[in-house]
Amino acid sequence: MRYCFLVFLFLVFSCKKEKSENGTKSQKVIVIQPLGDFKTEQSQKVFVGIKSINPNVILRPNISFPENSYYKPRNRYRADSIIKSLKDKIGKDSVIVGLSNRDISTTYKGIVDWGVMGLGYRPGKACVVSDFRLSSKNKKEQFHKLVLHELGHTEGLSHCSVKTCLMRDAEGRNHLDEEKDFCENCKAFLVNQGWNLIL
């Protein structure tokens, strides 16, 4: 009987970790991983920005780009290779975002080497973002939006049709200045995933 009671207590406390008091999921640990010579000052700004939506955030020291990710013909790095490598460098309840200031690309719509601003698994444990294609005028603000966009994908969000939503599809262009926040539907989804956003 005592053994059954201990098992019951274990199950009760295990379930409580998955959901908080308001029914949302508990927050994942977000690991920020600067790549190559990404500037420490920029990494710190991302860290502070992400901490406002999730206090469980870790900033790691810079690491080299994965060896197999360099695409010599275009002098850029393969985003898909980067996230495949990064996903194995974190724990079970974590998600990792790679930060790059080098150009990144992936295969898209039959084009072998399509330049992108970011790429993330949906849902998944890894994403990567690059400031290479961002406007020099609003680069810091755009980069923060880009990080949130890719983290949104890791939570399971797809692209959104609302033009001002941070989950809008870039469609090969930079619309970040037009994007203001997550739309109500995307925001509600992320709050349910444990994000600290105001509805």
C-alpha atoms as a PDB file:
ATOM      1  CA  MET A   1       0.000   0.000   0.000  1.00  0.00           C
ATOM      2  CA  ARG A   2       2.816   2.382   0.879  1.00  0.00           C
ATOM      3  CA  TYR A   3       4.490   1.645  -2.474  1.00  0.00           C
ATOM      4  CA  CYS A   4       1.260   2.505  -4.358  1.00  0.00           C
ATOM      5  CA  PHE A   5       1.001   5.817  -2.484  1.00  0.00           C
ATOM      6  CA  LEU A   6       4.588   6.754  -3.439  1.00  0.00           C
ATOM      7  CA  VAL A   7       3.907   5.935  -7.100  1.00  0.00           C
ATOM      8  CA  PHE A   8       0.743   8.072  -6.953  1.00  0.00           C
ATOM      9  CA  LEU A   9       2.704  11.035  -5.514  1.00  0.00           C
ATOM     10  CA  PHE A  10       5.370  10.679  -8.183  1.00  0.00           C
ATOM     11  CA  LEU A  11       2.745  10.739 -10.959  1.00  0.00           C
ATOM     12  CA  VAL A  12       0.985  13.771  -9.471  1.00  0.00           C
ATOM     13  CA  PHE A  13       4.182  15.820  -9.230  1.00  0.00           C
ATOM     14  CA  SER A  14       5.383  14.687 -12.676  1.00  0.00           C
ATOM     15  CA  CYS A  15       2.148  15.893 -14.269  1.00  0.00           C
ATOM     16  CA  LYS A  16       2.375  19.229 -12.507  1.00  0.00           C
ATOM     17  CA  LYS A  17       5.698  19.952 -14.163  1.00  0.00           C
ATOM     18  CA  GLU A  18       4.153  19.639 -17.633  1.00  0.00           C
ATOM     19  CA  LYS A  19       1.313  22.099 -16.956  1.00  0.00           C
ATOM     20  CA  SER A  20       1.336  25.234 -14.832  1.00  0.00           C
ATOM     21  CA  GLU A  21      -1.542  26.521 -12.674  1.00  0.00           C
ATOM     22  CA  ASN A  22      -3.204  28.350 -15.580  1.00  0.00           C
ATOM     23  CA  GLY A  23      -3.136  25.232 -17.805  1.00  0.00           C
ATOM     24  CA  THR A  24      -0.234  26.327 -20.016  1.00  0.00           C
ATOM     25  CA  LYS A  25       2.810  24.157 -20.639  1.00  0.00           C
ATOM     26  CA  SER A  26       5.941  24.760 -18.606  1.00  0.00           C
ATOM     27  CA  GLN A  27       8.577  26.820 -20.388  1.00  0.00           C
ATOM     28  CA  LYS A  28      11.436  25.174 -22.215  1.00  0.00           C
ATOM     29  CA  VAL A  29      15.008  26.275 -21.642  1.00  0.00           C
ATOM     30  CA  ILE A  30      16.076  28.472 -24.561  1.00  0.00           C
ATOM     31  CA  VAL A  31      19.763  28.104 -25.391  1.00  0.00           C
ATOM     32  CA  ILE A  32      21.336  30.953 -27.357  1.00  0.00           C
ATOM     33  CA  GLN A  33      24.321  29.760 -29.374  1.00  0.00           C
ATOM     34  CA  PRO A  34      26.431  32.390 -31.180  1.00  0.00           C
ATOM     35  CA  LEU A  35      28.266  31.015 -34.217  1.00  0.00           C
ATOM     36  CA  GLY A  36      31.636  32.034 -35.657  1.00  0.00           C
ATOM     37  CA  ASP A  37      32.590  35.616 -34.876  1.00  0.00           C
ATOM     38  CA  PHE A  38      29.082  36.739 -33.898  1.00  0.00           C
ATOM     39  CA  LYS A  39      29.595  39.729 -31.577  1.00  0.00           C
ATOM     40  CA  THR A  40      29.190  39.238 -27.810  1.00  0.00           C
ATOM     41  CA  GLU A  41      27.345  42.559 -27.516  1.00  0.00           C
ATOM     42  CA  GLN A  42      24.743  41.348 -30.060  1.00  0.00           C
ATOM     43  CA  SER A  43      24.383  38.016 -28.243  1.00  0.00           C
ATOM     44  CA  GLN A  44      23.749  39.839 -24.954  1.00  0.00           C
ATOM     45  CA  LYS A  45      20.950  41.882 -26.569  1.00  0.00           C
ATOM     46  CA  VAL A  46      19.277  38.707 -27.834  1.00  0.00           C
ATOM     47  CA  PHE A  47      19.654  37.181 -24.363  1.00  0.00           C
ATOM     48  CA  VAL A  48      17.927  40.171 -22.703  1.00  0.00           C
ATOM     49  CA  GLY A  49      15.149  40.219 -25.325  1.00  0.00           C
ATOM     50  CA  ILE A  50      14.406  36.502 -24.956  1.00  0.00           C
ATOM     51  CA  LYS A  51      14.508  36.706 -21.156  1.00  0.00           C
ATOM     52  CA  SER A  52      11.413  38.933 -21.311  1.00  0.00           C
ATOM     53  CA  ILE A  53       9.372  36.045 -22.779  1.00  0.00           C
ATOM     54  CA  ASN A  54      11.105  33.209 -20.923  1.00  0.00           C
ATOM     55  CA  PRO A  55      13.364  33.550 -17.863  1.00  0.00           C
ATOM     56  CA  ASN A  56      14.838  30.090 -18.601  1.00  0.00           C
ATOM     57  CA  VAL A  57      17.430  31.275 -21.093  1.00  0.00           C
ATOM     58  CA  ILE A  58      21.126  30.427 -21.357  1.00  0.00           C
ATOM     59  CA  LEU A  59      23.747  32.276 -23.398  1.00  0.00           C
ATOM     60  CA  ARG A  60      26.622  30.047 -24.464  1.00  0.00           C
ATOM     61  CA  PRO A  61      30.066  31.131 -25.660  1.00  0.00           C
ATOM     62  CA  ASN A  62      30.686  31.254 -29.421  1.00  0.00           C
ATOM     63  CA  ILE A  63      31.407  28.038 -31.294  1.00  0.00           C
ATOM     64  CA  SER A  64      32.584  27.439 -34.858  1.00  0.00           C
ATOM     65  CA  PHE A  65      30.074  26.717 -37.598  1.00  0.00           C
ATOM     66  CA  PRO A  66      29.645  22.957 -38.084  1.00  0.00           C
ATOM     67  CA  GLU A  67      32.324  21.707 -40.500  1.00  0.00           C
ATOM     68  CA  ASN A  68      29.856  20.289 -43.010  1.00  0.00           C
ATOM     69  CA  SER A  69      27.775  23.494 -43.162  1.00  0.00           C
ATOM     70  CA  TYR A  70      30.059  25.644 -45.342  1.00  0.00           C
ATOM     71  CA  TYR A  71      28.884  25.992 -48.950  1.00  0.00           C
ATOM     72  CA  LYS A  72      31.995  27.109 -50.811  1.00  0.00           C
ATOM     73  CA  PRO A  73      30.441  27.962 -54.239  1.00  0.00           C
ATOM     74  CA  ARG A  74      28.443  30.828 -52.655  1.00  0.00           C
ATOM     75  CA  ASN A  75      30.607  31.549 -49.575  1.00  0.00           C
ATOM     76  CA  ARG A  76      27.714  30.927 -47.221  1.00  0.00           C
ATOM     77  CA  TYR A  77      26.580  28.385 -44.638  1.00  0.00           C
ATOM     78  CA  ARG A  78      23.837  25.806 -44.965  1.00  0.00           C
ATOM     79  CA  ALA A  79      21.118  26.540 -42.416  1.00  0.00           C
ATOM     80  CA  ASP A  80      19.760  22.974 -42.571  1.00  0.00           C
ATOM     81  CA  SER A  81      23.185  21.532 -41.698  1.00  0.00           C
ATOM     82  CA  ILE A  82      23.551  24.027 -38.843  1.00  0.00           C
ATOM     83  CA  ILE A  83      20.259  23.130 -37.168  1.00  0.00           C
ATOM     84  CA  LYS A  84      20.879  19.402 -37.609  1.00  0.00           C
ATOM     85  CA  SER A  85      24.131  19.836 -35.704  1.00  0.00           C
ATOM     86  CA  LEU A  86      22.738  22.187 -33.031  1.00  0.00           C
ATOM     87  CA  LYS A  87      19.762  19.995 -32.085  1.00  0.00           C
ATOM     88  CA  ASP A  88      22.096  17.385 -30.600  1.00  0.00           C
ATOM     89  CA  LYS A  89      23.820  19.899 -28.302  1.00  0.00           C
ATOM     90  CA  ILE A  90      20.938  20.470 -25.863  1.00  0.00           C
ATOM     91  CA  GLY A  91      18.817  18.664 -23.299  1.00  0.00           C
ATOM     92  CA  LYS A  92      15.356  17.154 -23.707  1.00  0.00           C
ATOM     93  CA  ASP A  93      13.333  20.168 -22.532  1.00  0.00           C
ATOM     94  CA  SER A  94      15.378  22.761 -24.412  1.00  0.00           C
ATOM     95  CA  VAL A  95      15.409  24.578 -27.726  1.00  0.00           C
ATOM     96  CA  ILE A  96      18.524  26.129 -29.277  1.00  0.00           C
ATOM     97  CA  VAL A  97      18.828  29.177 -31.522  1.00  0.00           C
ATOM     98  CA  GLY A  98      22.024  29.705 -33.496  1.00  0.00           C
ATOM     99  CA  LEU A  99      23.051  33.317 -34.137  1.00  0.00           C
ATOM    100  CA  SER A 100      24.982  34.159 -37.301  1.00  0.00           C
ATOM    101  CA  ASN A 101      26.168  37.247 -39.128  1.00  0.00           C
ATOM    102  CA  ARG A 102      27.237  35.174 -42.133  1.00  0.00           C
ATOM    103  CA  ASP A 103      24.894  34.449 -45.036  1.00  0.00           C
ATOM    104  CA  ILE A 104      22.872  31.230 -44.676  1.00  0.00           C
ATOM    105  CA  SER A 105      20.867  29.150 -47.137  1.00  0.00           C
ATOM    106  CA  THR A 106      18.758  26.044 -47.614  1.00  0.00           C
ATOM    107  CA  THR A 107      17.137  24.087 -50.459  1.00  0.00           C
ATOM    108  CA  TYR A 108      13.723  25.544 -51.255  1.00  0.00           C
ATOM    109  CA  LYS A 109      11.217  25.031 -54.105  1.00  0.00           C
ATOM    110  CA  GLY A 110      13.748  23.177 -56.241  1.00  0.00           C
ATOM    111  CA  ILE A 111      16.461  25.787 -55.740  1.00  0.00           C
ATOM    112  CA  VAL A 112      19.495  24.069 -54.244  1.00  0.00           C
ATOM    113  CA  ASP A 113      20.944  27.125 -52.513  1.00  0.00           C
ATOM    114  CA  TRP A 114      18.209  29.589 -51.505  1.00  0.00           C
ATOM    115  CA  GLY A 115      19.417  32.410 -49.240  1.00  0.00           C
ATOM    116  CA  VAL A 116      17.373  32.813 -46.047  1.00  0.00           C
ATOM    117  CA  MET A 117      17.272  35.007 -42.951  1.00  0.00           C
ATOM    118  CA  GLY A 118      16.416  32.090 -40.698  1.00  0.00           C
ATOM    119  CA  LEU A 119      15.367  28.452 -40.568  1.00  0.00           C
ATOM    120  CA  GLY A 120      13.831  26.316 -37.846  1.00  0.00           C
ATOM    121  CA  TYR A 121      12.298  22.910 -37.312  1.00  0.00           C
ATOM    122  CA  ARG A 122       8.482  23.042 -36.942  1.00  0.00           C
ATOM    123  CA  PRO A 123       8.030  21.879 -34.264  1.00  0.00           C
ATOM    124  CA  GLY A 124      11.506  21.084 -33.097  1.00  0.00           C
ATOM    125  CA  LYS A 125      14.516  21.767 -30.963  1.00  0.00           C
ATOM    126  CA  ALA A 126      16.682  23.989 -33.163  1.00  0.00           C
ATOM    127  CA  CYS A 127      16.666  27.078 -35.356  1.00  0.00           C
ATOM    128  CA  VAL A 128      19.234  29.468 -36.780  1.00  0.00           C
ATOM    129  CA  VAL A 129      19.009  33.156 -37.688  1.00  0.00           C
ATOM    130  CA  SER A 130      21.320  35.478 -39.596  1.00  0.00           C
ATOM    131  CA  ASP A 131      21.489  39.271 -39.686  1.00  0.00           C
ATOM    132  CA  PHE A 132      23.280  39.187 -43.067  1.00  0.00           C
ATOM    133  CA  ARG A 133      20.150  40.043 -45.095  1.00  0.00           C
ATOM    134  CA  LEU A 134      18.635  42.536 -42.657  1.00  0.00           C
ATOM    135  CA  SER A 135      18.279  46.271 -43.200  1.00  0.00           C
ATOM    136  CA  SER A 136      21.244  48.195 -41.762  1.00  0.00           C
ATOM    137  CA  LYS A 137      18.811  50.920 -40.642  1.00  0.00           C
ATOM    138  CA  ASN A 138      16.744  48.757 -38.252  1.00  0.00           C
ATOM    139  CA  LYS A 139      19.005  45.716 -37.898  1.00  0.00           C
ATOM    140  CA  LYS A 140      18.694  45.265 -34.100  1.00  0.00           C
ATOM    141  CA  GLU A 141      14.899  45.432 -34.071  1.00  0.00           C
ATOM    142  CA  GLN A 142      14.606  43.231 -37.157  1.00  0.00           C
ATOM    143  CA  PHE A 143      16.981  40.663 -35.684  1.00  0.00           C
ATOM    144  CA  HIS A 144      14.892  40.391 -32.498  1.00  0.00           C
ATOM    145  CA  LYS A 145      11.746  39.821 -34.583  1.00  0.00           C
ATOM    146  CA  LEU A 146      13.564  37.216 -36.642  1.00  0.00           C
ATOM    147  CA  VAL A 147      14.651  35.296 -33.528  1.00  0.00           C
ATOM    148  CA  LEU A 148      11.051  35.288 -32.241  1.00  0.00           C
ATOM    149  CA  HIS A 149       9.781  34.119 -35.654  1.00  0.00           C
ATOM    150  CA  GLU A 150      12.093  31.105 -35.751  1.00  0.00           C
ATOM    151  CA  LEU A 151      11.440  30.237 -32.098  1.00  0.00           C
ATOM    152  CA  GLY A 152       7.732  30.368 -32.969  1.00  0.00           C
ATOM    153  CA  HIS A 153       8.368  27.682 -35.592  1.00  0.00           C
ATOM    154  CA  THR A 154      10.118  25.474 -33.023  1.00  0.00           C
ATOM    155  CA  GLU A 155       6.955  25.663 -30.899  1.00  0.00           C
ATOM    156  CA  GLY A 156       4.892  24.432 -33.840  1.00  0.00           C
ATOM    157  CA  LEU A 157       3.602  27.640 -35.442  1.00  0.00           C
ATOM    158  CA  SER A 158       3.411  27.736 -39.233  1.00  0.00           C
ATOM    159  CA  HIS A 159       3.502  30.916 -41.295  1.00  0.00           C
ATOM    160  CA  CYS A 160       0.627  33.339 -40.727  1.00  0.00           C
ATOM    161  CA  SER A 161      -1.432  35.234 -43.306  1.00  0.00           C
ATOM    162  CA  VAL A 162      -1.777  38.338 -41.080  1.00  0.00           C
ATOM    163  CA  LYS A 163       0.573  40.927 -42.625  1.00  0.00           C
ATOM    164  CA  THR A 164       1.591  42.504 -39.301  1.00  0.00           C
ATOM    165  CA  CYS A 165       2.206  39.178 -37.509  1.00  0.00           C
ATOM    166  CA  LEU A 166       5.754  38.131 -36.656  1.00  0.00           C
ATOM    167  CA  MET A 167       4.982  34.714 -38.180  1.00  0.00           C
ATOM    168  CA  ARG A 168       4.395  36.169 -41.651  1.00  0.00           C
ATOM    169  CA  ASP A 169       6.177  34.322 -44.468  1.00  0.00           C
ATOM    170  CA  ALA A 170       9.055  36.391 -45.882  1.00  0.00           C
ATOM    171  CA  GLU A 171       8.433  34.906 -49.361  1.00  0.00           C
ATOM    172  CA  GLY A 172      11.972  35.836 -50.400  1.00  0.00           C
ATOM    173  CA  ARG A 173      11.740  39.434 -49.134  1.00  0.00           C
ATOM    174  CA  ASN A 174      12.236  41.352 -45.903  1.00  0.00           C
ATOM    175  CA  HIS A 175       8.873  42.446 -44.420  1.00  0.00           C
ATOM    176  CA  LEU A 176      10.124  42.710 -40.834  1.00  0.00           C
ATOM    177  CA  ASP A 177       9.465  46.458 -40.523  1.00  0.00           C
ATOM    178  CA  GLU A 178       5.789  45.824 -41.338  1.00  0.00           C
ATOM    179  CA  GLU A 179       5.509  43.142 -38.659  1.00  0.00           C
ATOM    180  CA  LYS A 180       4.517  44.564 -35.280  1.00  0.00           C
ATOM    181  CA  ASP A 181       3.800  41.611 -32.961  1.00  0.00           C
ATOM    182  CA  PHE A 182       2.310  38.138 -32.981  1.00  0.00           C
ATOM    183  CA  CYS A 183      -1.342  38.229 -34.092  1.00  0.00           C
ATOM    184  CA  GLU A 184      -3.939  37.216 -31.486  1.00  0.00           C
ATOM    185  CA  ASN A 185      -4.126  33.596 -32.689  1.00  0.00           C
ATOM    186  CA  CYS A 186      -0.354  33.084 -32.791  1.00  0.00           C
ATOM    187  CA  LYS A 187       0.039  34.834 -29.439  1.00  0.00           C
ATOM    188  CA  ALA A 188      -2.635  32.667 -27.789  1.00  0.00           C
ATOM    189  CA  PHE A 189      -0.897  29.558 -29.134  1.00  0.00           C
ATOM    190  CA  LEU A 190       2.480  30.666 -27.724  1.00  0.00           C
ATOM    191  CA  VAL A 191       0.999  31.617 -24.335  1.00  0.00           C
ATOM    192  CA  ASN A 192      -0.443  28.101 -24.174  1.00  0.00           C
ATOM    193  CA  GLN A 193       3.084  26.809 -24.860  1.00  0.00           C
ATOM    194  CA  GLY A 194       4.351  28.725 -21.815  1.00  0.00           C
ATOM    195  CA  TRP A 195       5.544  31.995 -23.384  1.00  0.00           C
ATOM    196  CA  ASN A 196       5.232  35.100 -21.233  1.00  0.00           C
ATOM    197  CA  LEU A 197       3.223  37.296 -23.611  1.00  0.00           C
ATOM    198  CA  ILE A 198       0.414  39.752 -22.845  1.00  0.00           C
ATOM    199  CA  LEU A 199      -2.862  38.779 -24.532  1.00  0.00           C
END
